[in-house]
Amino acid sequence: MTNKRSDIRISVELDENQIPEKLKWTAKDGGVDQAEAKAMLLSIWDSKQKETLRIDLWTKDMPVDEMKQFFHQTLVAMADTFERATTDEKMSATMRDFCDYFAEKLELKA
């Protein structure tokens, strides 16, 4: 039996100062081919070192108001993922309460 392989590719175009100008990503199995993005956060768990490895990138033309919205949506998604992964409803609700507080303080529209 052959295991299926699925690749996700991220392409970063840098300016002369090594600052991202363009981010593109491809996930053929998901029907995505060279889609543009303005920001990305990638976390990978290193089980040997018991630590999270991260890549946080955003293009120099990413608007601050969109970055705030991006972070809010990411935090909400993390609360949802945490609940699915751990079934800890109490902590997930606490995380969502923080997300509501975060949105309120940043004056984000629902």
PDB file of N, CA and C in Angstrom:
ATOM      1  N   MET A   1       0.838  -1.186   0.000  1.00  0.00           N
ATOM      2  CA  MET A   1       0.000   0.000   0.000  1.00  0.00           C
ATOM      3  C   MET A   1       0.887   1.254   0.000  1.00  0.00           C
ATOM      4  N   THR A   2       0.560   2.181  -0.860  1.00  0.00           N
ATOM      5  CA  THR A   2       1.328   3.412  -0.965  1.00  0.00           C
ATOM      6  C   THR A   2       0.649   4.511  -0.149  1.00  0.00           C
ATOM      7  N   ASN A   3       1.429   5.196   0.665  1.00  0.00           N
ATOM      8  CA  ASN A   3       0.904   6.338   1.407  1.00  0.00           C
ATOM      9  C   ASN A   3       0.791   7.526   0.476  1.00  0.00           C
ATOM     10  N   LYS A   4      -0.278   8.275   0.627  1.00  0.00           N
ATOM     11  CA  LYS A   4      -0.461   9.477  -0.171  1.00  0.00           C
ATOM     12  C   LYS A   4       0.377  10.605   0.418  1.00  0.00           C
ATOM     13  N   ARG A   5       0.881  11.436  -0.443  1.00  0.00           N
ATOM     14  CA  ARG A   5       1.667  12.589  -0.023  1.00  0.00           C
ATOM     15  C   ARG A   5       0.964  13.841  -0.514  1.00  0.00           C
ATOM     16  N   SER A   6       0.894  14.832   0.334  1.00  0.00           N
ATOM     17  CA  SER A   6       0.284  16.109  -0.011  1.00  0.00           C
ATOM     18  C   SER A   6       1.257  17.214   0.383  1.00  0.00           C
ATOM     19  N   ASP A   7       1.534  18.098  -0.545  1.00  0.00           N
ATOM     20  CA  ASP A   7       2.486  19.178  -0.286  1.00  0.00           C
ATOM     21  C   ASP A   7       1.779  20.517  -0.197  1.00  0.00           C
ATOM     22  N   ILE A   8       2.268  21.344   0.693  1.00  0.00           N
ATOM     23  CA  ILE A   8       1.858  22.742   0.789  1.00  0.00           C
ATOM     24  C   ILE A   8       3.128  23.553   0.589  1.00  0.00           C
ATOM     25  N   ARG A   9       3.088  24.440  -0.397  1.00  0.00           N
ATOM     26  CA  ARG A   9       4.280  25.244  -0.711  1.00  0.00           C
ATOM     27  C   ARG A   9       4.019  26.698  -0.390  1.00  0.00           C
ATOM     28  N   ILE A  10       5.033  27.337   0.159  1.00  0.00           N
ATOM     29  CA  ILE A  10       4.975  28.765   0.460  1.00  0.00           C
ATOM     30  C   ILE A  10       6.145  29.426  -0.247  1.00  0.00           C
ATOM     31  N   SER A  11       5.842  30.448  -1.014  1.00  0.00           N
ATOM     32  CA  SER A  11       6.867  31.173  -1.752  1.00  0.00           C
ATOM     33  C   SER A  11       6.921  32.611  -1.231  1.00  0.00           C
ATOM     34  N   VAL A  12       8.127  33.069  -0.930  1.00  0.00           N
ATOM     35  CA  VAL A  12       8.316  34.411  -0.383  1.00  0.00           C
ATOM     36  C   VAL A  12       9.246  35.185  -1.296  1.00  0.00           C
ATOM     37  N   GLU A  13       8.758  36.301  -1.820  1.00  0.00           N
ATOM     38  CA  GLU A  13       9.605  37.192  -2.615  1.00  0.00           C
ATOM     39  C   GLU A  13      10.079  38.319  -1.711  1.00  0.00           C
ATOM     40  N   LEU A  14      11.393  38.518  -1.656  1.00  0.00           N
ATOM     41  CA  LEU A  14      11.998  39.513  -0.771  1.00  0.00           C
ATOM     42  C   LEU A  14      12.520  40.706  -1.550  1.00  0.00           C
ATOM     43  N   ASP A  15      12.536  41.860  -0.886  1.00  0.00           N
ATOM     44  CA  ASP A  15      13.159  43.026  -1.504  1.00  0.00           C
ATOM     45  C   ASP A  15      14.666  42.991  -1.227  1.00  0.00           C
ATOM     46  N   GLU A  16      15.367  44.038  -1.589  1.00  0.00           N
ATOM     47  CA  GLU A  16      16.824  44.068  -1.429  1.00  0.00           C
ATOM     48  C   GLU A  16      17.256  44.044   0.039  1.00  0.00           C
ATOM     49  N   ASN A  17      16.320  44.385   0.965  1.00  0.00           N
ATOM     50  CA  ASN A  17      16.620  44.361   2.401  1.00  0.00           C
ATOM     51  C   ASN A  17      16.099  43.102   3.088  1.00  0.00           C
ATOM     52  N   GLN A  18      15.761  42.102   2.290  1.00  0.00           N
ATOM     53  CA  GLN A  18      15.254  40.820   2.802  1.00  0.00           C
ATOM     54  C   GLN A  18      13.902  40.936   3.505  1.00  0.00           C
ATOM     55  N   ILE A  19      13.119  41.937   3.118  1.00  0.00           N
ATOM     56  CA  ILE A  19      11.772  42.131   3.663  1.00  0.00           C
ATOM     57  C   ILE A  19      10.773  41.555   2.666  1.00  0.00           C
ATOM     58  N   PRO A  20       9.814  40.741   3.150  1.00  0.00           N
ATOM     59  CA  PRO A  20       8.845  40.139   2.231  1.00  0.00           C
ATOM     60  C   PRO A  20       8.030  41.177   1.467  1.00  0.00           C
ATOM     61  N   GLU A  21       7.993  41.005   0.154  1.00  0.00           N
ATOM     62  CA  GLU A  21       7.151  41.843  -0.704  1.00  0.00           C
ATOM     63  C   GLU A  21       5.914  41.089  -1.153  1.00  0.00           C
ATOM     64  N   LYS A  22       6.077  39.787  -1.408  1.00  0.00           N
ATOM     65  CA  LYS A  22       4.954  38.961  -1.841  1.00  0.00           C
ATOM     66  C   LYS A  22       5.023  37.606  -1.158  1.00  0.00           C
ATOM     67  N   LEU A  23       3.857  37.131  -0.750  1.00  0.00           N
ATOM     68  CA  LEU A  23       3.713  35.787  -0.215  1.00  0.00           C
ATOM     69  C   LEU A  23       2.719  35.058  -1.110  1.00  0.00           C
ATOM     70  N   LYS A  24       3.062  33.868  -1.533  1.00  0.00           N
ATOM     71  CA  LYS A  24       2.159  33.041  -2.323  1.00  0.00           C
ATOM     72  C   LYS A  24       2.189  31.638  -1.748  1.00  0.00           C
ATOM     73  N   TRP A  25       1.040  30.957  -1.846  1.00  0.00           N
ATOM     74  CA  TRP A  25       1.002  29.592  -1.341  1.00  0.00           C
ATOM     75  C   TRP A  25       0.211  28.710  -2.283  1.00  0.00           C
ATOM     76  N   THR A  26       0.598  27.428  -2.281  1.00  0.00           N
ATOM     77  CA  THR A  26      -0.026  26.429  -3.137  1.00  0.00           C
ATOM     78  C   THR A  26      -0.334  25.200  -2.300  1.00  0.00           C
ATOM     79  N   ALA A  27      -1.549  24.708  -2.447  1.00  0.00           N
ATOM     80  CA  ALA A  27      -1.988  23.444  -1.829  1.00  0.00           C
ATOM     81  C   ALA A  27      -2.883  22.778  -2.869  1.00  0.00           C
ATOM     82  N   LYS A  28      -2.266  22.034  -3.757  1.00  0.00           N
ATOM     83  CA  LYS A  28      -2.988  21.451  -4.904  1.00  0.00           C
ATOM     84  C   LYS A  28      -4.182  20.611  -4.458  1.00  0.00           C
ATOM     85  N   ASP A  29      -4.034  19.836  -3.374  1.00  0.00           N
ATOM     86  CA  ASP A  29      -5.150  19.017  -2.895  1.00  0.00           C
ATOM     87  C   ASP A  29      -6.330  19.870  -2.436  1.00  0.00           C
ATOM     88  N   GLY A  30      -6.054  21.099  -2.044  1.00  0.00           N
ATOM     89  CA  GLY A  30      -7.109  22.020  -1.608  1.00  0.00           C
ATOM     90  C   GLY A  30      -7.571  22.951  -2.707  1.00  0.00           C
ATOM     91  N   GLY A  31      -7.037  22.768  -3.914  1.00  0.00           N
ATOM     92  CA  GLY A  31      -7.436  23.611  -5.032  1.00  0.00           C
ATOM     93  C   GLY A  31      -6.830  25.004  -5.010  1.00  0.00           C
ATOM     94  N   VAL A  32      -5.723  25.162  -4.313  1.00  0.00           N
ATOM     95  CA  VAL A  32      -5.070  26.467  -4.213  1.00  0.00           C
ATOM     96  C   VAL A  32      -3.782  26.427  -5.028  1.00  0.00           C
ATOM     97  N   ASP A  33      -3.625  27.389  -5.933  1.00  0.00           N
ATOM     98  CA  ASP A  33      -2.424  27.443  -6.763  1.00  0.00           C
ATOM     99  C   ASP A  33      -1.908  28.869  -6.848  1.00  0.00           C
ATOM    100  N   GLN A  34      -0.798  29.115  -6.185  1.00  0.00           N
ATOM    101  CA  GLN A  34      -0.140  30.425  -6.191  1.00  0.00           C
ATOM    102  C   GLN A  34      -1.076  31.554  -5.722  1.00  0.00           C
ATOM    103  N   ALA A  35      -1.838  31.287  -4.666  1.00  0.00           N
ATOM    104  CA  ALA A  35      -2.710  32.315  -4.087  1.00  0.00           C
ATOM    105  C   ALA A  35      -1.855  33.310  -3.313  1.00  0.00           C
ATOM    106  N   GLU A  36      -2.179  34.585  -3.480  1.00  0.00           N
ATOM    107  CA  GLU A  36      -1.433  35.621  -2.765  1.00  0.00           C
ATOM    108  C   GLU A  36      -1.958  35.784  -1.352  1.00  0.00           C
ATOM    109  N   ALA A  37      -1.069  36.132  -0.450  1.00  0.00           N
ATOM    110  CA  ALA A  37      -1.412  36.408   0.943  1.00  0.00           C
ATOM    111  C   ALA A  37      -0.599  37.611   1.404  1.00  0.00           C
ATOM    112  N   LYS A  38      -1.073  38.273   2.429  1.00  0.00           N
ATOM    113  CA  LYS A  38      -0.340  39.416   2.989  1.00  0.00           C
ATOM    114  C   LYS A  38       0.380  39.057   4.278  1.00  0.00           C
ATOM    115  N   ALA A  39      -0.055  37.949   4.919  1.00  0.00           N
ATOM    116  CA  ALA A  39       0.576  37.553   6.174  1.00  0.00           C
ATOM    117  C   ALA A  39       0.378  36.058   6.391  1.00  0.00           C
ATOM    118  N   MET A  40       1.267  35.472   7.199  1.00  0.00           N
ATOM    119  CA  MET A  40       1.134  34.072   7.579  1.00  0.00           C
ATOM    120  C   MET A  40       1.810  33.838   8.919  1.00  0.00           C
ATOM    121  N   LEU A  41       1.239  32.922   9.673  1.00  0.00           N
ATOM    122  CA  LEU A  41       1.818  32.471  10.930  1.00  0.00           C
ATOM    123  C   LEU A  41       1.856  30.953  10.844  1.00  0.00           C
ATOM    124  N   LEU A  42       3.018  30.375  11.002  1.00  0.00           N
ATOM    125  CA  LEU A  42       3.165  28.927  10.922  1.00  0.00           C
ATOM    126  C   LEU A  42       3.858  28.445  12.187  1.00  0.00           C
ATOM    127  N   SER A  43       3.219  27.503  12.881  1.00  0.00           N
ATOM    128  CA  SER A  43       3.799  26.914  14.083  1.00  0.00           C
ATOM    129  C   SER A  43       3.979  25.428  13.853  1.00  0.00           C
ATOM    130  N   ILE A  44       5.133  24.914  14.206  1.00  0.00           N
ATOM    131  CA  ILE A  44       5.448  23.498  14.061  1.00  0.00           C
ATOM    132  C   ILE A  44       5.974  22.988  15.400  1.00  0.00           C
ATOM    133  N   TRP A  45       5.407  21.865  15.859  1.00  0.00           N
ATOM    134  CA  TRP A  45       5.833  21.300  17.139  1.00  0.00           C
ATOM    135  C   TRP A  45       7.018  20.367  16.930  1.00  0.00           C
ATOM    136  N   ASP A  46       8.108  20.664  17.608  1.00  0.00           N
ATOM    137  CA  ASP A  46       9.291  19.807  17.608  1.00  0.00           C
ATOM    138  C   ASP A  46       9.186  18.921  18.841  1.00  0.00           C
ATOM    139  N   SER A  47       8.776  17.676  18.646  1.00  0.00           N
ATOM    140  CA  SER A  47       8.542  16.788  19.790  1.00  0.00           C
ATOM    141  C   SER A  47       9.838  16.353  20.473  1.00  0.00           C
ATOM    142  N   LYS A  48      10.946  16.378  19.761  1.00  0.00           N
ATOM    143  CA  LYS A  48      12.217  16.019  20.397  1.00  0.00           C
ATOM    144  C   LYS A  48      12.663  17.092  21.378  1.00  0.00           C
ATOM    145  N   GLN A  49      12.579  18.353  20.945  1.00  0.00           N
ATOM    146  CA  GLN A  49      13.012  19.460  21.801  1.00  0.00           C
ATOM    147  C   GLN A  49      11.888  19.975  22.713  1.00  0.00           C
ATOM    148  N   LYS A  50      10.660  19.505  22.463  1.00  0.00           N
ATOM    149  CA  LYS A  50       9.479  19.957  23.221  1.00  0.00           C
ATOM    150  C   LYS A  50       9.335  21.472  23.153  1.00  0.00           C
ATOM    151  N   GLU A  51       9.387  21.973  21.891  1.00  0.00           N
ATOM    152  CA  GLU A  51       9.226  23.411  21.692  1.00  0.00           C
ATOM    153  C   GLU A  51       8.569  23.688  20.345  1.00  0.00           C
ATOM    154  N   THR A  52       7.984  24.865  20.262  1.00  0.00           N
ATOM    155  CA  THR A  52       7.324  25.302  19.047  1.00  0.00           C
ATOM    156  C   THR A  52       8.298  26.094  18.191  1.00  0.00           C
ATOM    157  N   LEU A  53       8.367  25.720  16.928  1.00  0.00           N
ATOM    158  CA  LEU A  53       9.154  26.459  15.943  1.00  0.00           C
ATOM    159  C   LEU A  53       8.176  27.313  15.160  1.00  0.00           C
ATOM    160  N   ARG A  54       8.553  28.538  14.845  1.00  0.00           N
ATOM    161  CA  ARG A  54       7.610  29.458  14.225  1.00  0.00           C
ATOM    162  C   ARG A  54       8.214  30.177  13.034  1.00  0.00           C
ATOM    163  N   ILE A  55       7.330  30.449  12.092  1.00  0.00           N
ATOM    164  CA  ILE A  55       7.650  31.357  10.991  1.00  0.00           C
ATOM    165  C   ILE A  55       6.506  32.360  10.946  1.00  0.00           C
ATOM    166  N   ASP A  56       6.800  33.610  11.200  1.00  0.00           N
ATOM    167  CA  ASP A  56       5.817  34.687  11.152  1.00  0.00           C
ATOM    168  C   ASP A  56       6.272  35.672  10.077  1.00  0.00           C
ATOM    169  N   LEU A  57       5.477  35.797   9.031  1.00  0.00           N
ATOM    170  CA  LEU A  57       5.829  36.689   7.917  1.00  0.00           C
ATOM    171  C   LEU A  57       4.647  37.552   7.538  1.00  0.00           C
ATOM    172  N   TRP A  58       4.943  38.769   7.137  1.00  0.00           N
ATOM    173  CA  TRP A  58       3.931  39.629   6.549  1.00  0.00           C
ATOM    174  C   TRP A  58       4.622  40.546   5.566  1.00  0.00           C
ATOM    175  N   THR A  59       3.875  40.932   4.537  1.00  0.00           N
ATOM    176  CA  THR A  59       4.446  41.803   3.517  1.00  0.00           C
ATOM    177  C   THR A  59       4.494  43.234   4.035  1.00  0.00           C
ATOM    178  N   LYS A  60       5.394  44.000   3.450  1.00  0.00           N
ATOM    179  CA  LYS A  60       5.562  45.371   3.929  1.00  0.00           C
ATOM    180  C   LYS A  60       4.351  46.242   3.642  1.00  0.00           C
ATOM    181  N   ASP A  61       3.446  45.775   2.768  1.00  0.00           N
ATOM    182  CA  ASP A  61       2.253  46.562   2.497  1.00  0.00           C
ATOM    183  C   ASP A  61       1.004  46.015   3.206  1.00  0.00           C
ATOM    184  N   MET A  62       1.209  45.158   4.204  1.00  0.00           N
ATOM    185  CA  MET A  62       0.092  44.651   5.002  1.00  0.00           C
ATOM    186  C   MET A  62      -0.423  45.780   5.882  1.00  0.00           C
ATOM    187  N   PRO A  63      -1.685  46.194   5.701  1.00  0.00           N
ATOM    188  CA  PRO A  63      -2.229  47.292   6.513  1.00  0.00           C
ATOM    189  C   PRO A  63      -2.378  46.887   7.987  1.00  0.00           C
ATOM    190  N   VAL A  64      -2.116  47.805   8.882  1.00  0.00           N
ATOM    191  CA  VAL A  64      -2.187  47.534  10.319  1.00  0.00           C
ATOM    192  C   VAL A  64      -3.599  47.105  10.724  1.00  0.00           C
ATOM    193  N   ASP A  65      -4.626  47.738  10.167  1.00  0.00           N
ATOM    194  CA  ASP A  65      -5.993  47.358  10.544  1.00  0.00           C
ATOM    195  C   ASP A  65      -6.290  45.915  10.126  1.00  0.00           C
ATOM    196  N   GLU A  66      -5.766  45.474   8.997  1.00  0.00           N
ATOM    197  CA  GLU A  66      -5.947  44.089   8.573  1.00  0.00           C
ATOM    198  C   GLU A  66      -5.116  43.140   9.445  1.00  0.00           C
ATOM    199  N   MET A  67      -3.951  43.586   9.902  1.00  0.00           N
ATOM    200  CA  MET A  67      -3.126  42.758  10.782  1.00  0.00           C
ATOM    201  C   MET A  67      -3.866  42.513  12.098  1.00  0.00           C
ATOM    202  N   LYS A  68      -4.523  43.531  12.626  1.00  0.00           N
ATOM    203  CA  LYS A  68      -5.292  43.371  13.861  1.00  0.00           C
ATOM    204  C   LYS A  68      -6.428  42.367  13.662  1.00  0.00           C
ATOM    205  N   GLN A  69      -7.115  42.474  12.545  1.00  0.00           N
ATOM    206  CA  GLN A  69      -8.198  41.544  12.238  1.00  0.00           C
ATOM    207  C   GLN A  69      -7.653  40.129  12.034  1.00  0.00           C
ATOM    208  N   PHE A  70      -6.521  40.008  11.357  1.00  0.00           N
ATOM    209  CA  PHE A  70      -5.865  38.725  11.133  1.00  0.00           C
ATOM    210  C   PHE A  70      -5.528  38.057  12.464  1.00  0.00           C
ATOM    211  N   PHE A  71      -4.958  38.820  13.396  1.00  0.00           N
ATOM    212  CA  PHE A  71      -4.623  38.260  14.700  1.00  0.00           C
ATOM    213  C   PHE A  71      -5.873  37.830  15.454  1.00  0.00           C
ATOM    214  N   HIS A  72      -6.920  38.646  15.421  1.00  0.00           N
ATOM    215  CA  HIS A  72      -8.156  38.277  16.111  1.00  0.00           C
ATOM    216  C   HIS A  72      -8.718  36.971  15.553  1.00  0.00           C
ATOM    217  N   GLN A  73      -8.809  36.875  14.242  1.00  0.00           N
ATOM    218  CA  GLN A  73      -9.344  35.660  13.635  1.00  0.00           C
ATOM    219  C   GLN A  73      -8.458  34.451  13.930  1.00  0.00           C
ATOM    220  N   THR A  74      -7.156  34.651  13.977  1.00  0.00           N
ATOM    221  CA  THR A  74      -6.238  33.563  14.303  1.00  0.00           C
ATOM    222  C   THR A  74      -6.436  33.097  15.739  1.00  0.00           C
ATOM    223  N   LEU A  75      -6.606  34.030  16.658  1.00  0.00           N
ATOM    224  CA  LEU A  75      -6.840  33.664  18.061  1.00  0.00           C
ATOM    225  C   LEU A  75      -8.143  32.884  18.221  1.00  0.00           C
ATOM    226  N   VAL A  76      -9.203  33.315  17.528  1.00  0.00           N
ATOM    227  CA  VAL A  76     -10.480  32.594  17.577  1.00  0.00           C
ATOM    228  C   VAL A  76     -10.304  31.183  17.019  1.00  0.00           C
ATOM    229  N   ALA A  77      -9.602  31.062  15.915  1.00  0.00           N
ATOM    230  CA  ALA A  77      -9.359  29.748  15.316  1.00  0.00           C
ATOM    231  C   ALA A  77      -8.542  28.863  16.253  1.00  0.00           C
ATOM    232  N   MET A  78      -7.592  29.450  16.968  1.00  0.00           N
ATOM    233  CA  MET A  78      -6.794  28.671  17.918  1.00  0.00           C
ATOM    234  C   MET A  78      -7.655  28.142  19.062  1.00  0.00           C
ATOM    235  N   ALA A  79      -8.614  28.937  19.523  1.00  0.00           N
ATOM    236  CA  ALA A  79      -9.529  28.475  20.572  1.00  0.00           C
ATOM    237  C   ALA A  79     -10.355  27.293  20.064  1.00  0.00           C
ATOM    238  N   ASP A  80     -10.834  27.393  18.829  1.00  0.00           N
ATOM    239  CA  ASP A  80     -11.604  26.294  18.234  1.00  0.00           C
ATOM    240  C   ASP A  80     -10.752  25.038  18.089  1.00  0.00           C
ATOM    241  N   THR A  81      -9.527  25.204  17.590  1.00  0.00           N
ATOM    242  CA  THR A  81      -8.625  24.071  17.410  1.00  0.00           C
ATOM    243  C   THR A  81      -8.258  23.457  18.750  1.00  0.00           C
ATOM    244  N   PHE A  82      -8.011  24.290  19.739  1.00  0.00           N
ATOM    245  CA  PHE A  82      -7.672  23.795  21.070  1.00  0.00           C
ATOM    246  C   PHE A  82      -8.801  22.914  21.609  1.00  0.00           C
ATOM    247  N   GLU A  83     -10.036  23.353  21.415  1.00  0.00           N
ATOM    248  CA  GLU A  83     -11.169  22.562  21.903  1.00  0.00           C
ATOM    249  C   GLU A  83     -11.277  21.224  21.164  1.00  0.00           C
ATOM    250  N   ARG A  84     -11.119  21.245  19.842  1.00  0.00           N
ATOM    251  CA  ARG A  84     -11.167  19.993  19.078  1.00  0.00           C
ATOM    252  C   ARG A  84     -10.043  19.047  19.472  1.00  0.00           C
ATOM    253  N   ALA A  85      -8.865  19.601  19.745  1.00  0.00           N
ATOM    254  CA  ALA A  85      -7.697  18.769  20.043  1.00  0.00           C
ATOM    255  C   ALA A  85      -7.698  18.224  21.470  1.00  0.00           C
ATOM    256  N   THR A  86      -8.285  18.968  22.415  1.00  0.00           N
ATOM    257  CA  THR A  86      -8.184  18.585  23.829  1.00  0.00           C
ATOM    258  C   THR A  86      -9.527  18.270  24.484  1.00  0.00           C
ATOM    259  N   THR A  87     -10.622  18.662  23.854  1.00  0.00           N
ATOM    260  CA  THR A  87     -11.986  18.596  24.409  1.00  0.00           C
ATOM    261  C   THR A  87     -12.119  19.366  25.725  1.00  0.00           C
ATOM    262  N   ASP A  88     -11.232  20.312  25.961  1.00  0.00           N
ATOM    263  CA  ASP A  88     -11.276  21.146  27.170  1.00  0.00           C
ATOM    264  C   ASP A  88     -12.175  22.352  26.892  1.00  0.00           C
ATOM    265  N   GLU A  89     -13.470  22.174  27.156  1.00  0.00           N
ATOM    266  CA  GLU A  89     -14.452  23.224  26.855  1.00  0.00           C
ATOM    267  C   GLU A  89     -14.274  24.455  27.739  1.00  0.00           C
ATOM    268  N   LYS A  90     -13.906  24.245  28.997  1.00  0.00           N
ATOM    269  CA  LYS A  90     -13.754  25.371  29.924  1.00  0.00           C
ATOM    270  C   LYS A  90     -12.632  26.308  29.489  1.00  0.00           C
ATOM    271  N   MET A  91     -11.463  25.741  29.164  1.00  0.00           N
ATOM    272  CA  MET A  91     -10.345  26.593  28.744  1.00  0.00           C
ATOM    273  C   MET A  91     -10.631  27.215  27.385  1.00  0.00           C
ATOM    274  N   SER A  92     -11.296  26.494  26.509  1.00  0.00           N
ATOM    275  CA  SER A  92     -11.648  27.043  25.197  1.00  0.00           C
ATOM    276  C   SER A  92     -12.569  28.247  25.350  1.00  0.00           C
ATOM    277  N   ALA A  93     -13.520  28.144  26.261  1.00  0.00           N
ATOM    278  CA  ALA A  93     -14.423  29.274  26.524  1.00  0.00           C
ATOM    279  C   ALA A  93     -13.641  30.460  27.087  1.00  0.00           C
ATOM    280  N   THR A  94     -12.663  30.177  27.945  1.00  0.00           N
ATOM    281  CA  THR A  94     -11.824  31.240  28.495  1.00  0.00           C
ATOM    282  C   THR A  94     -11.027  31.916  27.383  1.00  0.00           C
ATOM    283  N   MET A  95     -10.515  31.114  26.471  1.00  0.00           N
ATOM    284  CA  MET A  95      -9.776  31.675  25.331  1.00  0.00           C
ATOM    285  C   MET A  95     -10.696  32.550  24.481  1.00  0.00           C
ATOM    286  N   ARG A  96     -11.931  32.115  24.263  1.00  0.00           N
ATOM    287  CA  ARG A  96     -12.883  32.908  23.470  1.00  0.00           C
ATOM    288  C   ARG A  96     -13.241  34.213  24.187  1.00  0.00           C
ATOM    289  N   ASP A  97     -13.318  34.157  25.527  1.00  0.00           N
ATOM    290  CA  ASP A  97     -13.558  35.389  26.294  1.00  0.00           C
ATOM    291  C   ASP A  97     -12.425  36.377  26.035  1.00  0.00           C
ATOM    292  N   PHE A  98     -11.188  35.883  26.019  1.00  0.00           N
ATOM    293  CA  PHE A  98     -10.057  36.762  25.718  1.00  0.00           C
ATOM    294  C   PHE A  98     -10.180  37.328  24.306  1.00  0.00           C
ATOM    295  N   CYS A  99     -10.605  36.492  23.354  1.00  0.00           N
ATOM    296  CA  CYS A  99     -10.776  36.954  21.977  1.00  0.00           C
ATOM    297  C   CYS A  99     -11.788  38.086  21.907  1.00  0.00           C
ATOM    298  N   ASP A 100     -12.874  37.969  22.670  1.00  0.00           N
ATOM    299  CA  ASP A 100     -13.875  39.045  22.722  1.00  0.00           C
ATOM    300  C   ASP A 100     -13.266  40.313  23.305  1.00  0.00           C
ATOM    301  N   TYR A 101     -12.475  40.169  24.369  1.00  0.00           N
ATOM    302  CA  TYR A 101     -11.791  41.305  24.992  1.00  0.00           C
ATOM    303  C   TYR A 101     -10.813  41.949  24.008  1.00  0.00           C
ATOM    304  N   PHE A 102     -10.056  41.128  23.325  1.00  0.00           N
ATOM    305  CA  PHE A 102      -9.087  41.582  22.316  1.00  0.00           C
ATOM    306  C   PHE A 102      -9.795  42.412  21.247  1.00  0.00           C
ATOM    307  N   ALA A 103     -10.912  41.885  20.722  1.00  0.00           N
ATOM    308  CA  ALA A 103     -11.678  42.591  19.674  1.00  0.00           C
ATOM    309  C   ALA A 103     -12.250  43.901  20.201  1.00  0.00           C
ATOM    310  N   GLU A 104     -12.721  43.881  21.443  1.00  0.00           N
ATOM    311  CA  GLU A 104     -13.281  45.088  22.038  1.00  0.00           C
ATOM    312  C   GLU A 104     -12.219  46.171  22.175  1.00  0.00           C
ATOM    313  N   LYS A 105     -11.056  45.800  22.710  1.00  0.00           N
ATOM    314  CA  LYS A 105      -9.988  46.769  22.916  1.00  0.00           C
ATOM    315  C   LYS A 105      -9.452  47.330  21.599  1.00  0.00           C
ATOM    316  N   LEU A 106      -9.472  46.519  20.541  1.00  0.00           N
ATOM    317  CA  LEU A 106      -9.005  46.990  19.231  1.00  0.00           C
ATOM    318  C   LEU A 106     -10.124  47.630  18.409  1.00  0.00           C
ATOM    319  N   GLU A 107     -11.327  47.652  19.009  1.00  0.00           N
ATOM    320  CA  GLU A 107     -12.499  48.224  18.340  1.00  0.00           C
ATOM    321  C   GLU A 107     -12.742  47.582  16.982  1.00  0.00           C
ATOM    322  N   LEU A 108     -12.655  46.251  16.955  1.00  0.00           N
ATOM    323  CA  LEU A 108     -12.932  45.504  15.725  1.00  0.00           C
ATOM    324  C   LEU A 108     -14.437  45.292  15.606  1.00  0.00           C
ATOM    325  N   LYS A 109     -14.928  45.426  14.411  1.00  0.00           N
ATOM    326  CA  LYS A 109     -16.352  45.180  14.148  1.00  0.00           C
ATOM    327  C   LYS A 109     -16.568  43.692  13.995  1.00  0.00           C
ATOM    328  N   ALA A 110     -17.658  43.193  14.513  1.00  0.00           N
ATOM    329  CA  ALA A 110     -17.967  41.753  14.411  1.00  0.00           C
ATOM    330  C   ALA A 110     -18.362  41.356  13.002  1.00  0.00           C
TER     331      ALA A 110
END
